[in-house]
Protein backbone atom coordinates (compact mmCIF):
# COMPACT_ATOMS: atom_id res chain seq x y z
CA MET A 1 0.00 0.00 0.00
CA THR A 2 1.75 3.14 -1.19
CA ASN A 3 1.14 6.76 -2.08
CA LEU A 4 -1.41 7.41 0.64
CA PRO A 5 -1.83 10.97 1.87
CA ILE A 6 -0.83 10.68 5.54
CA ILE A 7 -0.77 13.28 8.31
CA VAL A 8 1.52 12.93 11.31
CA VAL A 9 0.47 15.13 14.23
CA GLY A 10 3.45 16.22 16.32
CA ALA A 11 6.91 17.32 15.18
CA GLY A 12 8.98 16.00 18.06
CA ILE A 13 11.44 13.15 17.73
CA VAL A 14 8.73 10.48 17.37
CA GLY A 15 6.65 12.45 14.89
CA ALA A 16 9.61 13.51 12.74
CA THR A 17 11.10 10.02 12.55
CA THR A 18 7.67 8.54 11.78
CA ALA A 19 7.11 11.05 8.99
CA LEU A 20 10.46 10.12 7.42
CA ALA A 21 9.79 6.38 7.68
CA LEU A 22 6.37 6.75 6.07
CA GLN A 23 7.85 8.89 3.32
CA LYS A 24 10.48 6.20 2.68
CA ASP A 25 7.57 3.80 2.11
CA GLY A 26 6.31 6.04 -0.66
CA HIS A 27 3.54 7.95 1.11
CA ALA A 28 2.72 11.63 0.70
CA VAL A 29 3.37 12.87 4.23
CA THR A 30 2.32 16.10 5.92
CA LEU A 31 3.78 16.78 9.35
CA LEU A 32 1.79 19.07 11.66
CA ASP A 33 2.60 20.79 14.93
CA ARG A 34 1.04 23.62 16.88
CA GLN A 35 4.53 25.10 17.34
CA GLU A 36 7.88 24.92 15.59
CA PRO A 37 9.56 21.49 15.24
CA CYS A 38 11.05 20.06 18.42
CA SER A 39 9.41 22.60 20.72
CA GLY A 40 8.29 20.01 23.29
CA ALA A 41 10.03 17.35 25.35
CA SER A 42 12.34 16.34 22.48
CA PHE A 43 14.10 19.70 22.67
CA GLY A 44 15.59 19.31 26.11
CA ASN A 45 16.56 15.69 26.67
CA ALA A 46 20.02 14.30 27.37
CA GLY A 47 20.39 13.13 23.78
CA VAL A 48 21.14 9.49 24.66
CA VAL A 49 20.02 6.49 22.61
CA VAL A 50 20.12 3.84 25.35
CA ASN A 51 20.34 0.65 23.33
CA GLY A 52 18.68 -2.20 25.20
CA SER A 53 17.06 0.01 27.84
CA CYS A 54 14.65 -2.23 29.69
CA ALA A 55 14.01 -1.28 33.34
CA PRO A 56 10.55 0.28 33.76
CA THR A 57 10.14 3.24 36.10
CA ALA A 58 7.69 1.36 38.33
CA MET A 59 9.85 -1.13 40.25
CA PRO A 60 9.31 -3.10 43.47
CA GLY A 61 9.70 -0.79 46.47
CA ILE A 62 8.57 2.28 44.51
CA ILE A 63 6.11 3.28 47.26
CA SER A 64 8.79 3.69 49.95
CA THR A 65 11.20 5.25 47.45
CA GLY A 66 8.58 7.72 46.28
CA LEU A 67 7.58 8.72 49.79
CA ARG A 68 11.19 9.43 50.72
CA MET A 69 11.55 11.59 47.62
CA LEU A 70 8.38 13.54 48.35
CA LEU A 71 9.66 14.33 51.85
CA ASN A 72 12.99 15.59 50.48
CA ALA A 73 12.85 19.09 48.99
CA ASN A 74 15.89 18.38 46.80
CA ALA A 75 14.76 14.96 45.56
CA PRO A 76 14.39 14.38 41.80
CA MET A 77 10.63 13.78 42.09
CA SER A 78 7.92 16.19 43.19
CA ILE A 79 4.15 16.64 42.96
CA ARG A 80 2.51 20.06 42.87
CA ALA A 81 -0.15 20.11 45.60
CA ALA A 82 -2.80 21.53 43.27
CA TYR A 83 -2.23 18.69 40.79
CA ALA A 84 -2.27 15.84 43.33
CA PRO A 85 -5.98 14.95 42.81
CA ASN A 86 -5.44 14.83 39.02
CA ILE A 87 -2.40 12.55 39.14
CA LEU A 88 -3.75 10.18 41.82
CA PRO A 89 -5.47 7.71 39.42
CA TRP A 90 -2.27 7.57 37.33
CA LEU A 91 -0.17 6.98 40.47
CA ILE A 92 -2.42 4.12 41.58
CA ARG A 93 -1.95 2.44 38.21
CA PHE A 94 1.78 3.17 38.44
CA VAL A 95 2.07 1.45 41.83
CA LEU A 96 0.16 -1.57 40.54
CA GLU A 97 2.71 -1.84 37.71
CA SER A 98 5.49 -2.24 40.33
CA ARG A 99 4.37 -5.78 41.20
CA ALA A 100 7.07 -8.33 40.34
CA SER A 101 5.05 -10.10 37.64
CA LYS A 102 4.21 -6.79 35.96
CA VAL A 103 7.82 -5.61 36.12
CA VAL A 104 9.06 -8.72 34.31
CA LYS A 105 6.38 -8.36 31.63
CA ASN A 106 7.04 -4.63 31.12
CA THR A 107 10.79 -5.18 31.04
CA ARG A 108 10.55 -7.69 28.24
CA ALA A 109 8.17 -5.51 26.24
CA LEU A 110 10.42 -2.48 26.64
CA HIS A 111 13.49 -4.46 25.63
CA ALA A 112 11.72 -5.79 22.53
CA LEU A 113 11.60 -2.17 21.34
CA SER A 114 14.91 -0.84 22.59
CA LYS A 115 17.21 -3.69 21.58
CA HIS A 116 17.05 -2.34 18.02
CA ALA A 117 17.26 1.34 18.98
CA ALA A 118 20.78 2.02 17.70
CA SER A 119 20.37 0.10 14.44
CA SER A 120 17.02 1.81 13.79
CA TRP A 121 18.67 5.22 14.09
CA GLN A 122 21.42 4.20 11.70
CA GLN A 123 18.92 2.76 9.24
CA LEU A 124 16.74 5.88 9.23
CA ILE A 125 19.45 8.50 8.70
CA SER A 126 22.02 6.54 6.70
CA ASN A 127 23.49 8.40 3.73
CA THR A 128 22.32 11.78 5.03
CA ASP A 129 24.11 14.67 6.70
CA LEU A 130 22.16 13.88 9.87
CA GLN A 131 24.66 11.10 10.56
CA ASN A 132 27.13 13.75 11.71
CA MET A 133 25.01 14.38 14.82
CA LEU A 134 24.92 10.73 15.87
CA THR A 135 27.97 9.49 17.73
CA GLY A 136 29.05 6.62 19.97
CA GLY A 137 30.40 6.76 23.49
CA GLY A 138 28.00 4.64 25.48
CA TRP A 139 25.89 5.31 28.57
CA LEU A 140 27.69 5.59 31.91
CA ARG A 141 25.96 5.46 35.32
CA VAL A 142 28.25 6.24 38.25
CA PHE A 143 27.83 5.64 41.99
CA GLU A 144 29.62 7.25 44.91
CA THR A 145 28.89 4.45 47.40
CA GLU A 146 28.72 0.66 47.38
CA LYS A 147 25.33 0.96 49.06
CA ALA A 148 23.89 2.92 46.14
CA PHE A 149 25.42 0.53 43.64
CA LEU A 150 23.94 -2.48 45.43
CA ALA A 151 20.55 -0.72 45.47
CA SER A 152 20.62 -0.80 41.66
CA GLN A 153 20.90 -4.59 41.63
CA ALA A 154 17.24 -5.04 40.66
CA SER A 155 17.73 -3.04 37.45
CA ARG A 156 20.88 -4.96 36.59
CA ALA A 157 19.06 -8.25 37.17
CA LEU A 158 16.46 -7.20 34.63
CA MET A 159 19.19 -6.34 32.14
CA ASP A 160 20.73 -9.76 32.72
CA ASP A 161 17.36 -11.44 32.24
CA VAL A 162 16.74 -9.94 28.79
CA GLY A 163 20.37 -9.95 27.66
CA THR A 164 21.16 -6.22 27.61
CA PRO A 165 24.98 -6.02 27.55
CA TYR A 166 26.76 -3.85 30.12
CA SER A 167 29.98 -3.75 32.10
CA VAL A 168 30.56 -3.06 35.79
CA LEU A 169 33.48 -0.67 36.29
CA ASN A 170 35.66 0.09 39.31
CA ALA A 171 37.04 3.48 40.33
CA GLN A 172 40.14 3.23 38.12
CA GLU A 173 38.15 2.19 35.06
CA ILE A 174 35.76 5.08 35.58
CA GLN A 175 38.68 7.53 35.64
CA GLU A 176 40.13 6.01 32.48
CA LEU A 177 36.83 6.60 30.66
CA GLU A 178 36.15 10.05 32.14
CA PRO A 179 39.34 11.59 33.60
CA HIS A 180 37.62 14.90 34.45
CA LEU A 181 35.15 13.28 36.82
CA ALA A 182 35.97 13.76 40.48
CA PRO A 183 37.61 10.62 41.95
CA VAL A 184 34.62 10.02 44.23
CA PHE A 185 32.91 7.26 42.27
CA CYS A 186 33.62 3.69 43.29
CA ARG A 187 31.37 1.82 40.87
CA ALA A 188 29.65 2.29 37.52
CA THR A 189 27.65 0.47 34.90
CA PHE A 190 28.57 1.08 31.28
CA GLN A 191 26.43 0.28 28.22
CA GLU A 192 29.01 0.64 25.49
CA ASP A 193 26.69 0.17 22.50
CA SER A 194 24.53 3.21 23.31
CA LEU A 195 24.67 6.28 21.07
CA ARG A 196 24.36 10.03 21.54
CA VAL A 197 22.64 12.78 19.54
CA THR A 198 24.80 15.88 19.97
CA ASN A 199 21.99 18.36 19.28
CA PRO A 200 18.44 16.93 19.55
CA HIS A 201 16.81 20.16 18.36
CA ARG A 202 19.02 20.40 15.28
CA MET A 203 18.48 16.69 14.58
CA VAL A 204 14.69 17.03 14.58
CA GLN A 205 14.79 20.22 12.53
CA GLY A 206 17.12 18.45 10.11
CA MET A 207 14.67 15.58 9.73
CA VAL A 208 11.83 18.00 9.03
CA ASP A 209 13.97 19.79 6.45
CA LEU A 210 14.82 16.44 4.86
CA LEU A 211 11.14 15.49 4.75
CA VAL A 212 10.32 18.72 2.93
CA ALA A 213 13.31 18.42 0.57
CA ARG A 214 12.04 14.98 -0.43
CA GLY A 215 8.59 16.34 -1.28
CA GLY A 216 6.79 16.18 2.06
CA LYS A 217 5.14 19.07 3.86
CA TYR A 218 5.42 20.74 7.24
CA GLN A 219 2.63 22.96 8.53
CA ARG A 220 1.89 24.86 11.74
CA PHE A 221 -1.54 23.58 12.68
CA ASP A 222 -3.08 23.17 16.15
CA VAL A 223 -5.41 20.18 15.88
CA ASN A 224 -8.52 20.59 18.03
CA ARG A 225 -10.82 17.99 16.54
CA ILE A 226 -10.68 14.75 14.56
CA VAL A 227 -13.61 13.95 12.30
CA THR A 228 -13.92 10.53 10.68
CA LYS A 229 -15.63 10.29 7.30
CA PRO A 230 -16.80 6.67 6.82
CA GLY A 231 -17.18 5.61 3.23
CA SER A 232 -14.67 8.05 1.81
CA ALA A 233 -12.04 6.23 -0.22
CA ASN A 234 -9.22 8.72 0.19
CA ASP A 235 -9.75 11.71 2.47
CA SER A 236 -11.36 9.66 5.23
CA ILE A 237 -10.02 11.65 8.23
CA LYS A 238 -10.42 15.38 8.77
CA LEU A 239 -8.43 17.40 11.31
CA GLU A 240 -9.92 20.71 12.36
CA ASN A 241 -9.21 23.80 14.39
CA ALA A 242 -11.15 27.05 14.75
CA GLN A 243 -9.89 28.42 11.42
CA ASN A 244 -9.10 25.55 9.07
CA SER A 245 -9.28 21.84 8.32
CA ILE A 246 -7.01 19.36 6.61
CA SER A 247 -7.74 15.80 5.43
CA ALA A 248 -5.84 12.60 4.75
CA SER A 249 -6.30 8.87 4.34
CA ARG A 250 -4.36 8.06 7.51
CA VAL A 251 -3.48 10.06 10.63
CA VAL A 252 -0.75 9.28 13.14
CA ILE A 253 -1.12 10.93 16.54
CA ALA A 254 2.39 11.54 17.88
CA CYS A 255 2.04 14.75 19.86
CA GLY A 256 3.44 13.50 23.14
CA ALA A 257 1.78 14.68 26.33
CA TRP A 258 -0.94 16.39 24.29
CA SER A 259 -2.02 13.15 22.61
CA ARG A 260 -4.55 12.05 25.22
CA ARG A 261 -7.23 14.59 24.29
CA LEU A 262 -7.11 13.51 20.64
CA ALA A 263 -7.23 9.81 21.57
CA MET A 264 -10.32 10.55 23.68
CA GLN A 265 -12.06 11.75 20.54
CA MET A 266 -11.32 8.37 18.99
CA GLY A 267 -12.95 6.52 21.88
CA ASP A 268 -9.78 5.70 23.82
CA ASN A 269 -9.43 6.89 27.42
CA ILE A 270 -5.69 6.31 27.73
CA PRO A 271 -3.98 6.81 31.12
CA LEU A 272 -1.40 9.22 29.77
CA ASP A 273 0.05 11.95 31.95
CA THR A 274 3.23 13.98 31.98
CA GLU A 275 6.45 13.73 33.95
CA ARG A 276 7.82 17.23 33.53
CA GLY A 277 11.60 17.32 33.10
CA TYR A 278 14.10 20.18 33.35
CA HIS A 279 17.51 21.05 32.01
CA LEU A 280 20.21 23.66 32.51
CA MET A 281 22.72 24.51 29.81
CA PHE A 282 26.19 25.39 31.08
CA SER A 283 28.95 27.25 29.28
CA ALA A 284 30.89 25.62 26.46
CA LYS A 285 34.19 27.21 27.60
CA ASN A 286 35.63 23.99 28.96
CA ASN A 287 33.59 21.66 26.80
CA PRO A 288 34.16 18.82 26.26
CA LEU A 289 34.87 17.84 29.86
CA LEU A 290 33.00 14.59 29.25
CA ASN A 291 33.27 12.07 26.43
CA ARG A 292 29.72 10.82 26.87
CA ALA A 293 26.55 11.40 28.89
CA VAL A 294 27.02 10.41 32.54
CA VAL A 295 24.20 9.86 35.03
CA HIS A 296 24.75 10.32 38.76
CA GLY A 297 23.34 7.16 40.32
CA GLU A 298 22.41 8.63 43.69
CA ASP A 299 21.06 12.02 42.63
CA SER A 300 19.44 10.95 39.33
CA PHE A 301 20.73 13.77 37.13
CA VAL A 302 22.61 13.55 33.85
CA LEU A 303 25.51 15.62 32.55
CA SER A 304 25.60 15.38 28.78
CA PRO A 305 28.03 17.10 26.38
CA MET A 306 26.22 18.88 23.55
CA GLU A 307 27.31 20.90 20.54
CA ASP A 308 26.61 24.15 22.37
CA GLY A 309 27.69 23.33 25.92
CA LEU A 310 27.14 20.92 28.77
CA ARG A 311 23.55 19.99 29.60
CA MET A 312 22.30 18.92 33.01
CA THR A 313 18.94 17.12 32.92
CA SER A 314 16.86 16.05 35.89
CA GLN A 315 13.50 16.01 37.63
CA ILE A 316 10.22 14.18 37.55
CA GLU A 317 7.57 16.75 38.36
CA PHE A 318 3.86 15.99 38.28
CA ALA A 319 2.05 19.26 37.60
CA GLY A 320 0.25 18.78 34.26
CA VAL A 321 1.04 20.44 30.95
CA ASP A 322 -0.14 23.95 31.80
CA ALA A 323 1.51 24.87 35.13
CA ASN A 324 4.38 27.36 35.10
CA PRO A 325 7.90 25.92 35.47
CA ASP A 326 9.71 25.86 38.80
CA TYR A 327 13.43 25.97 38.04
CA GLN A 328 14.60 25.98 41.65
CA HIS A 329 14.80 22.21 41.96
CA ILE A 330 17.28 21.77 39.14
CA ARG A 331 19.27 24.82 40.21
CA ASN A 332 19.60 23.20 43.63
CA LEU A 333 21.60 20.44 41.93
CA ILE A 334 24.37 22.76 40.75
CA PRO A 335 26.56 22.06 43.84
CA ARG A 336 26.19 18.34 43.15
CA ALA A 337 27.23 18.89 39.54
CA ARG A 338 30.35 20.73 40.77
CA ARG A 339 31.16 17.85 43.10
CA MET A 340 30.77 15.43 40.21
CA LEU A 341 32.73 17.47 37.66
CA PRO A 342 35.01 19.97 39.48
CA GLU A 343 36.12 21.85 36.35
CA ILE A 344 32.56 22.57 35.21
CA GLU A 345 31.66 26.18 34.38
CA THR A 346 28.24 26.58 35.96
CA ASP A 347 27.30 29.96 34.51
CA GLU A 348 23.77 29.36 33.31
CA GLN A 349 23.31 29.77 29.56
CA SER A 350 19.65 28.72 29.47
CA VAL A 351 17.05 26.83 31.46
CA TRP A 352 14.15 24.77 30.15
CA MET A 353 11.18 22.58 31.10
CA GLY A 354 9.38 20.01 28.96
CA CYS A 355 6.52 17.52 29.37
CA ARG A 356 7.41 13.85 28.97
CA PRO A 357 4.39 11.77 27.88
CA SER A 358 4.25 8.92 30.37
CA MET A 359 2.25 5.74 30.84
CA PRO A 360 2.08 3.90 34.19
CA ASP A 361 3.75 0.79 32.71
CA SER A 362 6.58 2.76 30.98
CA LEU A 363 5.50 1.41 27.58
CA PRO A 364 4.47 3.61 24.64
CA VAL A 365 1.07 3.43 22.99
CA LEU A 366 1.48 2.00 19.49
CA GLY A 367 -1.25 0.84 17.16
CA PHE A 368 -4.67 1.62 15.74
CA SER A 369 -7.34 3.59 17.54
CA SER A 370 -10.46 1.77 18.73
CA HIS A 371 -12.80 3.89 16.61
CA SER A 372 -11.01 3.84 13.27
CA ASP A 373 -8.32 1.84 11.50
CA LYS A 374 -7.36 5.06 9.74
CA VAL A 375 -5.95 6.61 12.94
CA LEU A 376 -2.80 5.30 14.59
CA TYR A 377 -1.12 6.17 17.89
CA ALA A 378 2.60 6.69 18.52
CA PHE A 379 3.04 8.38 21.90
CA GLY A 380 3.82 7.77 25.57
CA HIS A 381 7.57 7.18 25.28
CA GLN A 382 8.32 8.71 28.68
CA HIS A 383 12.11 9.06 29.13
CA LEU A 384 12.92 7.15 25.93
CA GLY A 385 11.59 9.28 23.11
CA ILE A 386 14.96 9.84 21.50
CA THR A 387 15.89 6.19 22.07
CA LEU A 388 12.73 4.74 20.54
CA GLY A 389 11.82 7.34 17.90
CA PRO A 390 13.12 5.53 14.78
CA ARG A 391 12.11 2.10 16.10
CA THR A 392 8.57 3.42 16.59
CA ALA A 393 8.67 4.98 13.13
CA PHE A 394 9.36 1.70 11.36
CA ILE A 395 6.67 -0.09 13.38
CA ILE A 396 4.07 2.52 12.40
CA ALA A 397 5.18 2.28 8.76
CA ASP A 398 4.68 -1.49 8.92
CA LEU A 399 1.19 -1.11 10.38
CA VAL A 400 0.16 1.41 7.73
CA ALA A 401 1.44 -0.90 4.97
CA GLY A 402 -0.28 -3.97 6.40
CA ARG A 403 3.04 -5.63 7.22
CA ARG A 404 3.44 -7.59 10.45
CA PRO A 405 5.95 -5.89 12.79
CA ASP A 406 8.76 -8.08 14.10
CA LEU A 407 7.36 -8.16 17.66
CA ASP A 408 4.17 -8.87 19.55
CA MET A 409 2.18 -5.61 19.52
CA ALA A 410 -0.17 -6.58 22.37
CA PRO A 411 1.87 -4.90 25.17
CA TYR A 412 1.60 -1.52 23.44
CA ARG A 413 -2.04 -1.57 22.34
CA PRO A 414 -4.15 1.44 23.36
CA ARG A 415 -6.61 -0.58 25.45
CA ARG A 416 -4.17 -2.85 27.21
């Protein structure tokens, strides 16, 4: 099935990669977004393609861990008091997903997607200039204490279970990989086959430009309503806002944390909410101090070298998509960043907040809507949007073409 007019709603990493994959299949693709490309969560991530990522966020013991975090003003997780009643149903589902049987199931489903993350990136952007922004280096998680390292045993056991390769490093090996790190880290895990995007915003914009150069379209369009048109052979789906409408044979909803309201119109009440994340950009004067992105195991923040400086990412904040940012939490981590990387220049170049689209089971929503086989979903990637973007794109292209994807799609279905 080729040459269908297809609309992809959302020009973040998932939407842009999906648009390119559909275009490669021969479809006439229009990419829509209410803002400029990569204006949402994709703009501010750590840029890491964590090949083989498999540990879900909901793990055994999450209740006690979460309570400790909520009682600590500097913890990486917080809930705005005004939003607590809204997030409570999501949190109940989240806690239920931390049962051992659920964790094993979610781990295997997540790994089925992520084990091909690196190769999917390389397949999508091969023979293009975009390859210059994709580099190796791996994914390094460092720990200051043996106690903290031992506390991560459950995640490592899951990696062992599904076959995600990693190495355990000692203090000397950590220093050999990252000589500018302070010599305070005794243990680390290292996933050597992970990749890094050196400028996520430029990568997404580059994919949109490539889509247009190959004959596709990009349009600023805030979708308020989806109207199905049964019986129409071609323009069977209409997208509307207060001023205009646009039609296509297929529509892919990939607008991240804003996807739930559109899915509701298609008869699917999906438990999607947002884990708001923050970043600070530090000066590029001494960059690169790091050869790869490094996550602090105890404090759950990442220092990631980018084209334009050093980025610190952190925070899980439940406050919905509309609340104003609170940058104090991430700024409170600056002393910890200095302890981790003593030569860091912490003059703040910019600060940012974005809304990660998150499901209680840590799995994205992939597949057809309940109301129409003309509308597909590709959202809910949580912390792994940049990891799973191209992998998602090829799965959606398979579904549109009537091909069977190379994995069981049941764990990702909208009404799971």
